[in-house]
Amino acid sequence: MIVTFNYSEQGVKDPRPILLFLHKDKGLLEGLNINYLNPTKVKKLFSVIEFKKGKLDEQENLIRLKEAYFRIQISNPKKRAPMTTKRFYSDVIGSDALFKNAYRSYNVGKLTALKVSNINLEMVGVDAD
């Protein structure tokens, strides 16, 4: 999913990341900071996601927020699928220098105002029909 938050860490260059959340482990939130990508790369990222796994146009609300949100299903632990988040990292992020540069880890204890954000499908080049 796409999340936004305020991040207070000394020397941080982007205090308000827009993050394609990919992994949480040992107090770290990891993913692609979309603020570090130009619009062409954002479109490429979402076209790869749509091609690899699909279904960008379905909203859900599994964590009971005020509004439904998009969760990009790269993998699903309840379904057998060829794409895992580790494979997505190696095949998609690891193969592109700009994606690799935009990959960030954030200390959960230093972020505030965490929100799930919806994406504008037209902006990322995905047909919502």
Protein backbone atom coordinates (compact mmCIF):
# COMPACT_ATOMS: atom_id res chain seq x y z
CA MET A 1 0.00 0.00 0.00
CA ILE A 2 1.02 3.62 -0.26
CA VAL A 3 1.61 5.32 3.09
CA THR A 4 2.61 8.82 4.10
CA PHE A 5 4.05 9.98 7.39
CA ASN A 6 6.22 12.58 9.06
CA TYR A 7 9.74 11.39 9.76
CA SER A 8 12.03 13.05 12.28
CA GLU A 9 15.58 11.79 12.08
CA GLN A 10 18.67 13.96 12.11
CA GLY A 11 20.01 14.54 8.60
CA VAL A 12 16.94 13.15 6.84
CA LYS A 13 16.42 14.69 3.38
CA ASP A 14 12.72 13.90 3.02
CA PRO A 15 10.72 14.47 6.23
CA ARG A 16 7.38 13.60 4.53
CA PRO A 17 7.87 10.41 2.50
CA ILE A 18 5.31 8.88 0.18
CA LEU A 19 6.19 5.21 0.51
CA LEU A 20 5.20 2.16 -1.47
CA PHE A 21 5.31 -0.08 1.61
CA LEU A 22 7.03 -3.40 0.92
CA HIS A 23 8.30 -4.81 4.22
CA LYS A 24 8.29 -4.36 8.00
CA ASP A 25 10.86 -6.07 10.17
CA LYS A 26 12.42 -5.38 13.57
CA GLY A 27 11.06 -1.87 13.93
CA LEU A 28 11.82 -0.81 10.36
CA LEU A 29 9.33 0.14 7.66
CA GLU A 30 10.81 -0.43 4.19
CA GLY A 31 9.78 0.44 0.68
CA LEU A 32 10.17 2.77 -2.27
CA ASN A 33 10.01 6.47 -1.50
CA ILE A 34 8.04 7.72 -4.48
CA ASN A 35 9.27 11.27 -3.83
CA TYR A 36 12.65 10.16 -5.20
CA LEU A 37 11.18 9.02 -8.53
CA ASN A 38 10.28 11.14 -11.53
CA PRO A 39 6.77 10.68 -13.05
CA THR A 40 8.09 8.44 -15.84
CA LYS A 41 9.66 6.06 -13.31
CA VAL A 42 6.48 6.05 -11.20
CA LYS A 43 4.49 5.02 -14.30
CA LYS A 44 7.07 2.34 -15.09
CA LEU A 45 6.89 1.02 -11.52
CA PHE A 46 3.12 0.69 -11.60
CA SER A 47 3.09 -0.82 -15.07
CA VAL A 48 5.53 -3.49 -13.83
CA ILE A 49 3.39 -4.12 -10.76
CA GLU A 50 0.25 -4.40 -12.90
CA PHE A 51 2.01 -6.71 -15.34
CA LYS A 52 3.54 -8.93 -12.65
CA LYS A 53 0.61 -9.19 -10.26
CA GLY A 54 -2.30 -7.05 -11.40
CA LYS A 55 -5.35 -5.61 -9.71
CA LEU A 56 -4.51 -2.01 -8.93
CA ASP A 57 -8.16 -0.99 -9.16
CA GLU A 58 -9.55 -2.86 -6.15
CA GLN A 59 -10.02 -1.06 -2.86
CA GLU A 60 -10.16 -2.73 0.54
CA ASN A 61 -10.23 -1.83 4.20
CA LEU A 62 -8.63 -4.69 6.12
CA ILE A 63 -7.30 -2.47 8.89
CA ARG A 64 -10.59 -0.63 9.50
CA LEU A 65 -9.69 2.89 8.50
CA LYS A 66 -12.24 5.63 7.89
CA GLU A 67 -11.97 5.09 4.13
CA ALA A 68 -11.13 2.16 1.86
CA TYR A 69 -7.66 2.17 0.32
CA PHE A 70 -5.66 0.50 -2.42
CA ARG A 71 -3.38 -2.37 -1.45
CA ILE A 72 -1.14 -3.38 -4.29
CA GLN A 73 -0.98 -7.15 -4.14
CA ILE A 74 2.56 -8.01 -5.12
CA SER A 75 2.20 -11.23 -3.17
CA ASN A 76 -0.36 -12.81 -0.89
CA PRO A 77 0.69 -15.21 1.88
CA LYS A 78 -2.67 -17.02 1.60
CA LYS A 79 -2.29 -17.75 -2.13
CA ARG A 80 0.47 -19.50 -3.99
CA ALA A 81 2.03 -17.07 -6.45
CA PRO A 82 5.30 -16.79 -8.38
CA MET A 83 5.92 -13.24 -7.13
CA THR A 84 7.10 -12.65 -3.58
CA THR A 85 8.26 -9.37 -2.07
CA LYS A 86 11.84 -10.72 -2.10
CA ARG A 87 11.56 -11.57 -5.78
CA PHE A 88 9.93 -8.21 -6.50
CA TYR A 89 12.89 -6.52 -4.82
CA SER A 90 15.48 -8.50 -6.78
CA ASP A 91 13.68 -8.49 -10.17
CA VAL A 92 12.22 -4.98 -10.20
CA ILE A 93 14.00 -2.79 -7.67
CA GLY A 94 17.42 -4.41 -7.85
CA SER A 95 17.50 -4.22 -11.63
CA ASP A 96 16.94 -0.45 -11.81
CA ALA A 97 19.39 2.04 -10.30
CA LEU A 98 16.74 4.72 -9.70
CA PHE A 99 14.41 2.28 -7.94
CA LYS A 100 17.31 1.01 -5.86
CA ASN A 101 18.24 4.57 -4.90
CA ALA A 102 14.63 5.30 -3.87
CA TYR A 103 14.44 2.24 -1.58
CA ARG A 104 14.44 3.38 2.04
CA SER A 105 14.17 2.02 5.57
CA TYR A 106 12.48 4.06 8.30
CA ASN A 107 12.63 3.53 12.06
CA VAL A 108 9.02 3.06 13.15
CA GLY A 109 9.72 4.86 16.44
CA LYS A 110 10.62 8.05 14.60
CA LEU A 111 7.58 8.38 12.38
CA THR A 112 4.32 10.13 13.19
CA ALA A 113 1.02 10.85 11.45
CA LEU A 114 1.07 7.55 9.51
CA LYS A 115 -1.69 7.46 6.90
CA VAL A 116 -2.65 5.10 4.11
CA SER A 117 -3.01 7.04 0.86
CA ASN A 118 -5.02 6.31 -2.23
CA ILE A 119 -3.35 6.72 -5.58
CA ASN A 120 -4.59 8.50 -8.66
CA LEU A 121 -4.62 5.66 -11.20
CA GLU A 122 -4.58 8.05 -14.16
CA MET A 123 -1.44 9.72 -12.79
CA VAL A 124 0.42 6.41 -12.69
CA GLY A 125 -0.77 5.45 -16.15
CA VAL A 126 -3.21 2.70 -15.20
CA ASP A 127 -6.64 2.49 -16.82
CA ALA A 128 -9.20 2.21 -14.00
CA ASP A 129 -11.94 0.79 -16.25
